[in-house]
Amino acid sequence: MKSSILNDLYDRFYSEGFSYQDVTSSHWRSCGWHKVHRDTNGEFKLEGGGFGDFQSRTPHNFLRGFGVRIELRKLAKTYACDNNLLRIGEEVARAQGRLFSFDCLKQVLSLSQLLSVLQASESSRSREGGRLTSLGIKRVCVIGDGYGYLGSFLKAVDPGVEVTSVNLGRGLFFDVYYTLLANPQARLGLVGEIASAPSESTDFIFLPAENYSLLSQMAQDLVLNVASMQEMNISVVRNYMDYIRPKQLSDNVLFYCCNRKEKKLPAGEIVRFTDYGWLKADKIYFDEPCPWYREFPVGLIPRYLPFDGIHLHRFVSLAPGTSARFSELKQVDLE
């Protein structure tokens, strides 16, 4: 099953006949890149860029990253990160054969704050279950993971959750590959052209974004997107928002979104956080500039480099309903 999923994704998204679909924005057509080669023994060799700061855990990189790791520890302390979550985050990076980086830390900080907010509510607490399942969160969806880190981290924090990962097919291959490195015994499922219930319980479900409409048939308790909706066409973002919304008042879908306040895609489209498709009825837990998404440490002797633009993060309980269609938007700039 595991090797067949990689083979299926490789044949579909890395074959000579591959072509981009409309869901792929100009950003992913011109900026991010993925290369996968299958050798004569059937082993896959991966290279990629533009979707995370992956550095292999080689002795050379480990020594060069010593100063950055000290800075990351300081950042974790600055933002009151749960020490147990930080330890788990470092273990997941190690299992994936990568250095623990800011790209990893931002995911750990995000979950630390979400859990802090949810656990502050007495009505949400339970004496049984893991860190997420005790809060009634059993199905978690990650949109646009990159190297399968966030999904693997969530599973390591609470083995009881089922993780669905949605990504463009070429990137989804990387998510599956690195998820398997961190979870070699995991039960995996791949969604095809239709959303069908797995024949047995699964740990990870993978959905190519080329079929992202199927997400509307896959109910979730918590959905997370960190710095990838800003790379999508606004019409696709608003579709995602509609697909993940609960279908009835009795359902509760939590959504954490951390993305650029505004970004111009290579083709000229302006993607604004406020245009994503929020509803007035959404219950907001917090909504603010993301404090740790302003700058990041790099270099042998660490220095901080700023991110391009302001990043906002919002945590909400989504209300049932449908946001306005893309054609109805008034704040779209094209050049």
C-alpha atoms as a PDB file:
ATOM      1  CA  MET A   1       0.000   0.000   0.000  1.00  0.00           C
ATOM      2  CA  LYS A   2       2.689   2.497   0.994  1.00  0.00           C
ATOM      3  CA  SER A   3       4.883   1.999  -2.061  1.00  0.00           C
ATOM      4  CA  SER A   4       1.820   1.860  -4.314  1.00  0.00           C
ATOM      5  CA  ILE A   5       0.748   5.345  -3.154  1.00  0.00           C
ATOM      6  CA  LEU A   6       4.133   6.788  -4.106  1.00  0.00           C
ATOM      7  CA  ASN A   7       4.044   4.908  -7.407  1.00  0.00           C
ATOM      8  CA  ASP A   8       0.530   6.171  -8.146  1.00  0.00           C
ATOM      9  CA  LEU A   9       1.499   9.784  -7.414  1.00  0.00           C
ATOM     10  CA  TYR A  10       4.706   9.467  -9.422  1.00  0.00           C
ATOM     11  CA  ASP A  11       2.918   8.051 -12.470  1.00  0.00           C
ATOM     12  CA  ARG A  12       0.217  10.714 -12.300  1.00  0.00           C
ATOM     13  CA  PHE A  13       2.222  13.841 -11.501  1.00  0.00           C
ATOM     14  CA  TYR A  14       5.757  13.131 -12.724  1.00  0.00           C
ATOM     15  CA  SER A  15       5.110  11.334 -15.991  1.00  0.00           C
ATOM     16  CA  GLU A  16       5.898  12.852 -19.391  1.00  0.00           C
ATOM     17  CA  GLY A  17       2.226  13.561 -19.961  1.00  0.00           C
ATOM     18  CA  PHE A  18       1.810  15.690 -16.838  1.00  0.00           C
ATOM     19  CA  SER A  19       0.233  19.134 -17.238  1.00  0.00           C
ATOM     20  CA  TYR A  20      -0.886  21.732 -14.700  1.00  0.00           C
ATOM     21  CA  GLN A  21      -4.574  22.135 -13.895  1.00  0.00           C
ATOM     22  CA  ASP A  22      -6.432  25.364 -13.111  1.00  0.00           C
ATOM     23  CA  VAL A  23      -6.034  24.831  -9.356  1.00  0.00           C
ATOM     24  CA  THR A  24      -2.277  25.485  -9.763  1.00  0.00           C
ATOM     25  CA  SER A  25      -1.616  29.209  -9.386  1.00  0.00           C
ATOM     26  CA  SER A  26       1.014  31.236 -11.221  1.00  0.00           C
ATOM     27  CA  HIS A  27       3.151  31.065  -8.075  1.00  0.00           C
ATOM     28  CA  TRP A  28       3.459  27.289  -8.223  1.00  0.00           C
ATOM     29  CA  ARG A  29       3.953  27.320 -11.972  1.00  0.00           C
ATOM     30  CA  SER A  30       6.911  29.712 -11.743  1.00  0.00           C
ATOM     31  CA  CYS A  31       8.374  29.711  -8.187  1.00  0.00           C
ATOM     32  CA  GLY A  32       8.144  26.423  -6.324  1.00  0.00           C
ATOM     33  CA  TRP A  33       9.757  23.363  -7.903  1.00  0.00           C
ATOM     34  CA  HIS A  34       9.696  19.610  -7.321  1.00  0.00           C
ATOM     35  CA  LYS A  35      11.917  16.949  -8.871  1.00  0.00           C
ATOM     36  CA  VAL A  36      11.519  13.213  -8.339  1.00  0.00           C
ATOM     37  CA  HIS A  37      13.585  10.521 -10.010  1.00  0.00           C
ATOM     38  CA  ARG A  38      12.964   6.777  -9.793  1.00  0.00           C
ATOM     39  CA  ASP A  39      16.111   4.720 -10.247  1.00  0.00           C
ATOM     40  CA  THR A  40      16.445   1.224 -11.690  1.00  0.00           C
ATOM     41  CA  ASN A  41      15.855  -0.285  -8.246  1.00  0.00           C
ATOM     42  CA  GLY A  42      12.566   1.559  -7.884  1.00  0.00           C
ATOM     43  CA  GLU A  43      13.970   3.917  -5.247  1.00  0.00           C
ATOM     44  CA  PHE A  44      12.933   7.574  -5.363  1.00  0.00           C
ATOM     45  CA  LYS A  45      15.343  10.524  -5.228  1.00  0.00           C
ATOM     46  CA  LEU A  46      13.741  13.858  -4.310  1.00  0.00           C
ATOM     47  CA  GLU A  47      14.745  17.488  -4.777  1.00  0.00           C
ATOM     48  CA  GLY A  48      12.600  20.552  -4.218  1.00  0.00           C
ATOM     49  CA  GLY A  49      12.477  24.200  -3.296  1.00  0.00           C
ATOM     50  CA  GLY A  50      10.116  27.056  -2.533  1.00  0.00           C
ATOM     51  CA  PHE A  51       7.924  25.185  -0.032  1.00  0.00           C
ATOM     52  CA  GLY A  52      10.005  25.034   3.147  1.00  0.00           C
ATOM     53  CA  ASP A  53      13.552  25.339   4.449  1.00  0.00           C
ATOM     54  CA  PHE A  54      14.406  21.636   4.447  1.00  0.00           C
ATOM     55  CA  GLN A  55      18.048  20.900   5.301  1.00  0.00           C
ATOM     56  CA  SER A  56      19.294  17.335   5.488  1.00  0.00           C
ATOM     57  CA  ARG A  57      20.598  16.250   8.858  1.00  0.00           C
ATOM     58  CA  THR A  58      24.211  15.797   7.747  1.00  0.00           C
ATOM     59  CA  PRO A  59      27.134  16.348  10.162  1.00  0.00           C
ATOM     60  CA  HIS A  60      28.172  19.418   8.169  1.00  0.00           C
ATOM     61  CA  ASN A  61      24.706  21.001   8.268  1.00  0.00           C
ATOM     62  CA  PHE A  62      24.288  20.046  11.920  1.00  0.00           C
ATOM     63  CA  LEU A  63      27.449  21.916  12.914  1.00  0.00           C
ATOM     64  CA  ARG A  64      26.674  24.937  10.746  1.00  0.00           C
ATOM     65  CA  GLY A  65      23.176  25.152  12.228  1.00  0.00           C
ATOM     66  CA  PHE A  66      24.305  25.220  15.860  1.00  0.00           C
ATOM     67  CA  GLY A  67      23.795  28.990  16.250  1.00  0.00           C
ATOM     68  CA  VAL A  68      20.408  28.942  14.542  1.00  0.00           C
ATOM     69  CA  ARG A  69      19.194  26.170  16.863  1.00  0.00           C
ATOM     70  CA  ILE A  70      20.123  28.332  19.860  1.00  0.00           C
ATOM     71  CA  GLU A  71      18.074  31.186  18.395  1.00  0.00           C
ATOM     72  CA  LEU A  72      15.135  28.873  17.776  1.00  0.00           C
ATOM     73  CA  ARG A  73      15.212  27.823  21.429  1.00  0.00           C
ATOM     74  CA  LYS A  74      15.162  31.494  22.428  1.00  0.00           C
ATOM     75  CA  LEU A  75      12.163  32.108  20.162  1.00  0.00           C
ATOM     76  CA  ALA A  76      10.329  29.141  21.670  1.00  0.00           C
ATOM     77  CA  LYS A  77      10.863  30.576  25.140  1.00  0.00           C
ATOM     78  CA  THR A  78       9.861  34.082  24.023  1.00  0.00           C
ATOM     79  CA  TYR A  79       6.480  32.831  22.820  1.00  0.00           C
ATOM     80  CA  ALA A  80       5.878  30.499  25.790  1.00  0.00           C
ATOM     81  CA  CYS A  81       5.997  27.372  23.673  1.00  0.00           C
ATOM     82  CA  ASP A  82       4.962  24.156  25.399  1.00  0.00           C
ATOM     83  CA  ASN A  83       8.265  22.371  26.126  1.00  0.00           C
ATOM     84  CA  ASN A  84       6.781  18.950  25.470  1.00  0.00           C
ATOM     85  CA  LEU A  85       5.522  20.062  22.062  1.00  0.00           C
ATOM     86  CA  LEU A  86       8.940  21.494  21.262  1.00  0.00           C
ATOM     87  CA  ARG A  87      10.600  18.185  22.145  1.00  0.00           C
ATOM     88  CA  ILE A  88       8.144  16.270  19.954  1.00  0.00           C
ATOM     89  CA  GLY A  89       8.708  18.733  17.102  1.00  0.00           C
ATOM     90  CA  GLU A  90      12.452  18.178  17.279  1.00  0.00           C
ATOM     91  CA  GLU A  91      11.971  14.401  17.314  1.00  0.00           C
ATOM     92  CA  VAL A  92       9.775  14.506  14.199  1.00  0.00           C
ATOM     93  CA  ALA A  93      12.384  16.559  12.331  1.00  0.00           C
ATOM     94  CA  ARG A  94      15.058  14.062  13.351  1.00  0.00           C
ATOM     95  CA  ALA A  95      12.928  11.142  12.151  1.00  0.00           C
ATOM     96  CA  GLN A  96      12.512  12.850   8.772  1.00  0.00           C
ATOM     97  CA  GLY A  97      16.270  13.266   8.457  1.00  0.00           C
ATOM     98  CA  ARG A  98      16.103  17.054   8.585  1.00  0.00           C
ATOM     99  CA  LEU A  99      17.335  19.801  10.851  1.00  0.00           C
ATOM    100  CA  PHE A 100      14.798  21.383  13.159  1.00  0.00           C
ATOM    101  CA  SER A 101      14.369  24.819  11.585  1.00  0.00           C
ATOM    102  CA  PHE A 102      12.165  27.884  11.799  1.00  0.00           C
ATOM    103  CA  ASP A 103       9.922  26.163   9.259  1.00  0.00           C
ATOM    104  CA  CYS A 104       9.347  23.467  11.896  1.00  0.00           C
ATOM    105  CA  LEU A 105       9.220  25.824  14.873  1.00  0.00           C
ATOM    106  CA  LYS A 106       6.432  27.942  13.381  1.00  0.00           C
ATOM    107  CA  GLN A 107       4.214  24.826  13.269  1.00  0.00           C
ATOM    108  CA  VAL A 108       5.047  23.976  16.885  1.00  0.00           C
ATOM    109  CA  LEU A 109       4.340  27.530  18.036  1.00  0.00           C
ATOM    110  CA  SER A 110       1.023  27.536  16.189  1.00  0.00           C
ATOM    111  CA  LEU A 111      -0.218  24.313  17.784  1.00  0.00           C
ATOM    112  CA  SER A 112       1.042  25.442  21.202  1.00  0.00           C
ATOM    113  CA  GLN A 113      -1.102  28.574  20.991  1.00  0.00           C
ATOM    114  CA  LEU A 114      -4.140  26.711  19.660  1.00  0.00           C
ATOM    115  CA  LEU A 115      -4.027  24.200  22.486  1.00  0.00           C
ATOM    116  CA  SER A 116      -3.576  26.961  25.024  1.00  0.00           C
ATOM    117  CA  VAL A 117      -6.702  28.706  23.753  1.00  0.00           C
ATOM    118  CA  LEU A 118      -8.814  25.549  23.567  1.00  0.00           C
ATOM    119  CA  GLN A 119      -7.721  24.181  26.924  1.00  0.00           C
ATOM    120  CA  ALA A 120      -8.647  27.483  28.573  1.00  0.00           C
ATOM    121  CA  SER A 121     -12.280  26.561  27.962  1.00  0.00           C
ATOM    122  CA  GLU A 122     -13.538  24.315  30.755  1.00  0.00           C
ATOM    123  CA  SER A 123     -16.348  23.073  28.526  1.00  0.00           C
ATOM    124  CA  SER A 124     -13.802  21.694  26.050  1.00  0.00           C
ATOM    125  CA  ARG A 125     -11.838  19.615  28.546  1.00  0.00           C
ATOM    126  CA  SER A 126     -12.004  15.862  28.926  1.00  0.00           C
ATOM    127  CA  ARG A 127     -10.143  13.587  31.282  1.00  0.00           C
ATOM    128  CA  GLU A 128      -9.546  10.982  28.605  1.00  0.00           C
ATOM    129  CA  GLY A 129      -7.698  10.960  25.301  1.00  0.00           C
ATOM    130  CA  GLY A 130      -4.669  12.706  23.874  1.00  0.00           C
ATOM    131  CA  ARG A 131      -3.888  16.395  23.574  1.00  0.00           C
ATOM    132  CA  LEU A 132      -6.287  16.802  20.648  1.00  0.00           C
ATOM    133  CA  THR A 133      -8.783  13.968  21.019  1.00  0.00           C
ATOM    134  CA  SER A 134      -9.562  15.038  24.597  1.00  0.00           C
ATOM    135  CA  LEU A 135     -10.807  18.297  23.050  1.00  0.00           C
ATOM    136  CA  GLY A 136     -13.073  16.449  20.626  1.00  0.00           C
ATOM    137  CA  ILE A 137     -10.613  16.799  17.743  1.00  0.00           C
ATOM    138  CA  LYS A 138     -10.306  13.441  16.006  1.00  0.00           C
ATOM    139  CA  ARG A 139      -9.937  14.431  12.351  1.00  0.00           C
ATOM    140  CA  VAL A 140      -7.372  17.031  11.397  1.00  0.00           C
ATOM    141  CA  CYS A 141      -6.743  18.404   7.907  1.00  0.00           C
ATOM    142  CA  VAL A 142      -3.544  20.135   6.783  1.00  0.00           C
ATOM    143  CA  ILE A 143      -3.799  22.132   3.564  1.00  0.00           C
ATOM    144  CA  GLY A 144      -0.425  22.638   1.893  1.00  0.00           C
ATOM    145  CA  ASP A 145       1.906  20.925   4.349  1.00  0.00           C
ATOM    146  CA  GLY A 146       5.267  20.578   2.624  1.00  0.00           C
ATOM    147  CA  TYR A 147       7.484  17.583   3.510  1.00  0.00           C
ATOM    148  CA  GLY A 148       4.654  16.153   5.632  1.00  0.00           C
ATOM    149  CA  TYR A 149       6.046  17.809   8.738  1.00  0.00           C
ATOM    150  CA  LEU A 150       2.915  19.348  10.260  1.00  0.00           C
ATOM    151  CA  GLY A 151       0.861  16.205   9.681  1.00  0.00           C
ATOM    152  CA  SER A 152       3.559  14.029  11.242  1.00  0.00           C
ATOM    153  CA  PHE A 153       3.906  16.447  14.151  1.00  0.00           C
ATOM    154  CA  LEU A 154       0.162  16.369  14.847  1.00  0.00           C
ATOM    155  CA  LYS A 155       0.171  12.564  14.779  1.00  0.00           C
ATOM    156  CA  ALA A 156       3.145  12.448  17.160  1.00  0.00           C
ATOM    157  CA  VAL A 157       1.396  14.836  19.557  1.00  0.00           C
ATOM    158  CA  ASP A 158      -1.763  12.724  19.555  1.00  0.00           C
ATOM    159  CA  PRO A 159      -1.611   9.270  17.910  1.00  0.00           C
ATOM    160  CA  GLY A 160      -5.413   9.086  18.130  1.00  0.00           C
ATOM    161  CA  VAL A 161      -6.078  11.640  15.400  1.00  0.00           C
ATOM    162  CA  GLU A 162      -6.583  10.895  11.724  1.00  0.00           C
ATOM    163  CA  VAL A 163      -4.652  13.342   9.550  1.00  0.00           C
ATOM    164  CA  THR A 164      -5.764  14.370   6.061  1.00  0.00           C
ATOM    165  CA  SER A 165      -3.152  16.105   3.930  1.00  0.00           C
ATOM    166  CA  VAL A 166      -4.199  18.147   0.890  1.00  0.00           C
ATOM    167  CA  ASN A 167      -1.581  19.400  -1.529  1.00  0.00           C
ATOM    168  CA  LEU A 168      -0.922  19.799  -5.232  1.00  0.00           C
ATOM    169  CA  GLY A 169      -0.041  16.371  -6.572  1.00  0.00           C
ATOM    170  CA  ARG A 170       3.650  17.047  -7.121  1.00  0.00           C
ATOM    171  CA  GLY A 171       4.001  18.405  -3.588  1.00  0.00           C
ATOM    172  CA  LEU A 172       1.808  15.655  -2.144  1.00  0.00           C
ATOM    173  CA  PHE A 173       4.448  13.124  -3.226  1.00  0.00           C
ATOM    174  CA  PHE A 174       6.892  14.860  -0.852  1.00  0.00           C
ATOM    175  CA  ASP A 175       4.284  14.840   1.935  1.00  0.00           C
ATOM    176  CA  VAL A 176       3.784  11.081   1.573  1.00  0.00           C
ATOM    177  CA  TYR A 177       7.512  10.306   1.299  1.00  0.00           C
ATOM    178  CA  TYR A 178       8.539  12.239   4.404  1.00  0.00           C
ATOM    179  CA  THR A 179       5.476  11.160   6.366  1.00  0.00           C
ATOM    180  CA  LEU A 180       6.619   7.581   5.841  1.00  0.00           C
ATOM    181  CA  LEU A 181      10.104   8.405   7.090  1.00  0.00           C
ATOM    182  CA  ALA A 182       8.640   9.681  10.366  1.00  0.00           C
ATOM    183  CA  ASN A 183       5.866   7.050  10.527  1.00  0.00           C
ATOM    184  CA  PRO A 184       7.135   3.854   8.857  1.00  0.00           C
ATOM    185  CA  GLN A 185       4.334   1.709  10.335  1.00  0.00           C
ATOM    186  CA  ALA A 186       1.512   4.146   9.591  1.00  0.00           C
ATOM    187  CA  ARG A 187      -1.598   3.136   7.674  1.00  0.00           C
ATOM    188  CA  LEU A 188      -1.966   5.383   4.644  1.00  0.00           C
ATOM    189  CA  GLY A 189      -4.810   6.080   2.254  1.00  0.00           C
ATOM    190  CA  LEU A 190      -4.910   7.948  -1.060  1.00  0.00           C
ATOM    191  CA  VAL A 191      -8.117   9.606  -2.255  1.00  0.00           C
ATOM    192  CA  GLY A 192      -8.765   9.084  -5.960  1.00  0.00           C
ATOM    193  CA  GLU A 193     -11.316  10.674  -8.238  1.00  0.00           C
ATOM    194  CA  ILE A 194     -14.076  10.130  -5.679  1.00  0.00           C
ATOM    195  CA  ALA A 195     -14.087  10.368  -1.893  1.00  0.00           C
ATOM    196  CA  SER A 196     -14.734   6.907  -0.521  1.00  0.00           C
ATOM    197  CA  ALA A 197     -14.434   5.655   3.042  1.00  0.00           C
ATOM    198  CA  PRO A 198     -11.225   3.665   3.628  1.00  0.00           C
ATOM    199  CA  SER A 199     -11.669  -0.077   4.044  1.00  0.00           C
ATOM    200  CA  GLU A 200      -9.904   0.103   7.412  1.00  0.00           C
ATOM    201  CA  SER A 201      -8.927   2.802   9.878  1.00  0.00           C
ATOM    202  CA  THR A 202      -6.095   4.984   8.590  1.00  0.00           C
ATOM    203  CA  ASP A 203      -3.514   7.233  10.207  1.00  0.00           C
ATOM    204  CA  PHE A 204      -2.975   9.509   7.206  1.00  0.00           C
ATOM    205  CA  ILE A 205      -5.206  10.249   4.216  1.00  0.00           C
ATOM    206  CA  PHE A 206      -3.719  12.061   1.215  1.00  0.00           C
ATOM    207  CA  LEU A 207      -5.831  14.100  -1.208  1.00  0.00           C
ATOM    208  CA  PRO A 208      -4.353  15.653  -4.372  1.00  0.00           C
ATOM    209  CA  ALA A 209      -5.470  19.278  -4.546  1.00  0.00           C
ATOM    210  CA  GLU A 210      -6.360  18.686  -8.192  1.00  0.00           C
ATOM    211  CA  ASN A 211      -9.438  16.976  -6.687  1.00  0.00           C
ATOM    212  CA  TYR A 212      -9.823  19.363  -3.756  1.00  0.00           C
ATOM    213  CA  SER A 213     -13.605  19.623  -4.154  1.00  0.00           C
ATOM    214  CA  LEU A 214     -13.777  16.176  -2.528  1.00  0.00           C
ATOM    215  CA  LEU A 215     -12.785  17.849   0.725  1.00  0.00           C
ATOM    216  CA  SER A 216     -16.421  18.915   1.027  1.00  0.00           C
ATOM    217  CA  GLN A 217     -17.297  15.227   1.553  1.00  0.00           C
ATOM    218  CA  MET A 218     -14.599  14.651   4.188  1.00  0.00           C
ATOM    219  CA  ALA A 219     -15.736  16.177   7.479  1.00  0.00           C
ATOM    220  CA  GLN A 220     -12.953  17.569   9.687  1.00  0.00           C
ATOM    221  CA  ASP A 221     -12.732  18.826  13.267  1.00  0.00           C
ATOM    222  CA  LEU A 222      -9.661  21.029  12.778  1.00  0.00           C
ATOM    223  CA  VAL A 223      -8.175  22.466   9.584  1.00  0.00           C
ATOM    224  CA  LEU A 224      -4.811  24.197   9.412  1.00  0.00           C
ATOM    225  CA  ASN A 225      -3.123  26.263   6.731  1.00  0.00           C
ATOM    226  CA  VAL A 226       0.225  27.946   7.323  1.00  0.00           C
ATOM    227  CA  ALA A 227       1.629  30.172   4.578  1.00  0.00           C
ATOM    228  CA  SER A 228       0.260  28.436   1.500  1.00  0.00           C
ATOM    229  CA  MET A 229      -3.150  29.994   0.838  1.00  0.00           C
ATOM    230  CA  GLN A 230      -1.231  33.189   0.097  1.00  0.00           C
ATOM    231  CA  GLU A 231       0.221  31.339  -2.914  1.00  0.00           C
ATOM    232  CA  MET A 232      -3.192  30.327  -4.334  1.00  0.00           C
ATOM    233  CA  ASN A 233      -5.578  32.110  -6.659  1.00  0.00           C
ATOM    234  CA  ILE A 234      -8.235  33.807  -4.519  1.00  0.00           C
ATOM    235  CA  SER A 235     -10.979  31.793  -6.224  1.00  0.00           C
ATOM    236  CA  VAL A 236      -9.307  28.574  -5.068  1.00  0.00           C
ATOM    237  CA  VAL A 237      -8.916  29.906  -1.511  1.00  0.00           C
ATOM    238  CA  ARG A 238     -12.601  30.757  -1.337  1.00  0.00           C
ATOM    239  CA  ASN A 239     -13.504  27.304  -2.637  1.00  0.00           C
ATOM    240  CA  TYR A 240     -11.423  25.766   0.134  1.00  0.00           C
ATOM    241  CA  MET A 241     -13.266  27.909   2.676  1.00  0.00           C
ATOM    242  CA  ASP A 242     -16.605  26.655   1.364  1.00  0.00           C
ATOM    243  CA  TYR A 243     -15.472  23.016   1.252  1.00  0.00           C
ATOM    244  CA  ILE A 244     -14.264  22.922   4.869  1.00  0.00           C
ATOM    245  CA  ARG A 245     -17.245  24.748   6.391  1.00  0.00           C
ATOM    246  CA  PRO A 246     -19.607  22.630   8.507  1.00  0.00           C
ATOM    247  CA  LYS A 247     -22.750  21.465   6.787  1.00  0.00           C
ATOM    248  CA  GLN A 248     -25.080  22.000   9.758  1.00  0.00           C
ATOM    249  CA  LEU A 249     -25.244  23.998  12.994  1.00  0.00           C
ATOM    250  CA  SER A 250     -24.494  20.975  15.165  1.00  0.00           C
ATOM    251  CA  ASP A 251     -21.069  20.492  13.538  1.00  0.00           C
ATOM    252  CA  ASN A 252     -17.980  22.296  14.786  1.00  0.00           C
ATOM    253  CA  VAL A 253     -15.037  22.941  12.468  1.00  0.00           C
ATOM    254  CA  LEU A 254     -12.036  24.836  13.818  1.00  0.00           C
ATOM    255  CA  PHE A 255      -9.780  26.606  11.337  1.00  0.00           C
ATOM    256  CA  TYR A 256      -6.312  28.059  11.913  1.00  0.00           C
ATOM    257  CA  CYS A 257      -5.011  30.253   9.103  1.00  0.00           C
ATOM    258  CA  CYS A 258      -1.636  32.042   9.027  1.00  0.00           C
ATOM    259  CA  ASN A 259      -0.894  33.870   5.777  1.00  0.00           C
ATOM    260  CA  ARG A 260       0.308  37.105   4.254  1.00  0.00           C
ATOM    261  CA  LYS A 261      -1.977  40.107   4.704  1.00  0.00           C
ATOM    262  CA  GLU A 262      -1.567  40.770   1.000  1.00  0.00           C
ATOM    263  CA  LYS A 263       0.508  39.199  -1.745  1.00  0.00           C
ATOM    264  CA  LYS A 264       0.871  39.726  -5.469  1.00  0.00           C
ATOM    265  CA  LEU A 265       1.188  36.528  -7.492  1.00  0.00           C
ATOM    266  CA  PRO A 266       3.507  36.365 -10.532  1.00  0.00           C
ATOM    267  CA  ALA A 267       0.544  36.693 -12.926  1.00  0.00           C
ATOM    268  CA  GLY A 268      -0.527  39.937 -11.201  1.00  0.00           C
ATOM    269  CA  GLU A 269      -3.425  38.791  -9.017  1.00  0.00           C
ATOM    270  CA  ILE A 270      -3.560  40.363  -5.550  1.00  0.00           C
ATOM    271  CA  VAL A 271      -4.405  37.829  -2.817  1.00  0.00           C
ATOM    272  CA  ARG A 272      -5.711  39.469   0.371  1.00  0.00           C
ATOM    273  CA  PHE A 273      -6.307  37.737   3.694  1.00  0.00           C
ATOM    274  CA  THR A 274      -9.556  39.655   4.185  1.00  0.00           C
ATOM    275  CA  ASP A 275     -10.903  38.243   0.903  1.00  0.00           C
ATOM    276  CA  TYR A 276     -10.498  34.584   1.826  1.00  0.00           C
ATOM    277  CA  GLY A 277     -14.195  34.046   2.466  1.00  0.00           C
ATOM    278  CA  TRP A 278     -14.741  34.691   6.158  1.00  0.00           C
ATOM    279  CA  LEU A 279     -18.301  35.033   7.444  1.00  0.00           C
ATOM    280  CA  LYS A 280     -19.520  37.407  10.131  1.00  0.00           C
ATOM    281  CA  ALA A 281     -20.959  34.410  11.963  1.00  0.00           C
ATOM    282  CA  ASP A 282     -17.521  32.799  12.371  1.00  0.00           C
ATOM    283  CA  LYS A 283     -16.541  32.640  16.042  1.00  0.00           C
ATOM    284  CA  ILE A 284     -13.102  34.231  16.435  1.00  0.00           C
ATOM    285  CA  TYR A 285     -10.699  32.979  19.130  1.00  0.00           C
ATOM    286  CA  PHE A 286      -7.887  35.288  18.061  1.00  0.00           C
ATOM    287  CA  ASP A 287      -7.154  37.462  15.051  1.00  0.00           C
ATOM    288  CA  GLU A 288      -3.874  39.383  14.942  1.00  0.00           C
ATOM    289  CA  PRO A 289      -0.513  39.807  13.222  1.00  0.00           C
ATOM    290  CA  CYS A 290       1.393  36.580  13.847  1.00  0.00           C
ATOM    291  CA  PRO A 291       4.075  37.588  16.391  1.00  0.00           C
ATOM    292  CA  TRP A 292       6.665  34.969  15.396  1.00  0.00           C
ATOM    293  CA  TYR A 293       6.168  35.372  11.636  1.00  0.00           C
ATOM    294  CA  ARG A 294       8.128  38.607  11.271  1.00  0.00           C
ATOM    295  CA  GLU A 295      11.753  37.459  10.916  1.00  0.00           C
ATOM    296  CA  PHE A 296      13.808  34.272  11.065  1.00  0.00           C
ATOM    297  CA  PRO A 297      17.418  33.385  11.987  1.00  0.00           C
ATOM    298  CA  VAL A 298      19.963  32.301   9.361  1.00  0.00           C
ATOM    299  CA  GLY A 299      23.702  31.864   9.067  1.00  0.00           C
ATOM    300  CA  LEU A 300      26.694  30.414  10.888  1.00  0.00           C
ATOM    301  CA  ILE A 301      26.683  33.481  13.119  1.00  0.00           C
ATOM    302  CA  PRO A 302      22.906  33.988  13.196  1.00  0.00           C
ATOM    303  CA  ARG A 303      21.313  37.143  11.911  1.00  0.00           C
ATOM    304  CA  TYR A 304      17.603  37.767  11.423  1.00  0.00           C
ATOM    305  CA  LEU A 305      16.041  38.318   8.015  1.00  0.00           C
ATOM    306  CA  PRO A 306      12.532  39.764   7.646  1.00  0.00           C
ATOM    307  CA  PHE A 307       9.697  38.008   5.880  1.00  0.00           C
ATOM    308  CA  ASP A 308       8.112  39.752   2.911  1.00  0.00           C
ATOM    309  CA  GLY A 309       5.044  41.552   4.223  1.00  0.00           C
ATOM    310  CA  ILE A 310       2.884  41.241   7.308  1.00  0.00           C
ATOM    311  CA  HIS A 311       1.578  37.792   8.223  1.00  0.00           C
ATOM    312  CA  LEU A 312      -1.787  37.538   9.985  1.00  0.00           C
ATOM    313  CA  HIS A 313      -3.069  34.541  11.859  1.00  0.00           C
ATOM    314  CA  ARG A 314      -6.662  33.851  12.754  1.00  0.00           C
ATOM    315  CA  PHE A 315      -8.238  30.996  14.709  1.00  0.00           C
ATOM    316  CA  VAL A 316     -11.977  30.543  14.278  1.00  0.00           C
ATOM    317  CA  SER A 317     -14.862  28.169  14.637  1.00  0.00           C
ATOM    318  CA  LEU A 318     -16.378  28.219  11.161  1.00  0.00           C
ATOM    319  CA  ALA A 319     -20.086  28.876  10.785  1.00  0.00           C
ATOM    320  CA  PRO A 320     -22.169  26.867   8.319  1.00  0.00           C
ATOM    321  CA  GLY A 321     -22.837  28.647   5.067  1.00  0.00           C
ATOM    322  CA  THR A 322     -21.326  29.626   1.759  1.00  0.00           C
ATOM    323  CA  SER A 323     -19.130  32.659   1.141  1.00  0.00           C
ATOM    324  CA  ALA A 324     -19.669  34.929  -1.865  1.00  0.00           C
ATOM    325  CA  ARG A 325     -18.403  33.594  -5.151  1.00  0.00           C
ATOM    326  CA  PHE A 326     -15.161  34.896  -6.635  1.00  0.00           C
ATOM    327  CA  SER A 327     -17.019  36.779  -9.375  1.00  0.00           C
ATOM    328  CA  GLU A 328     -18.747  38.878  -6.713  1.00  0.00           C
ATOM    329  CA  LEU A 329     -15.528  40.163  -5.146  1.00  0.00           C
ATOM    330  CA  LYS A 330     -14.866  43.866  -5.492  1.00  0.00           C
ATOM    331  CA  GLN A 331     -11.240  43.863  -4.321  1.00  0.00           C
ATOM    332  CA  VAL A 332      -9.415  42.023  -7.078  1.00  0.00           C
ATOM    333  CA  ASP A 333      -6.496  43.687  -8.830  1.00  0.00           C
ATOM    334  CA  LEU A 334      -5.167  42.250 -12.046  1.00  0.00           C
ATOM    335  CA  GLU A 335      -2.386  43.690 -14.210  1.00  0.00           C
END
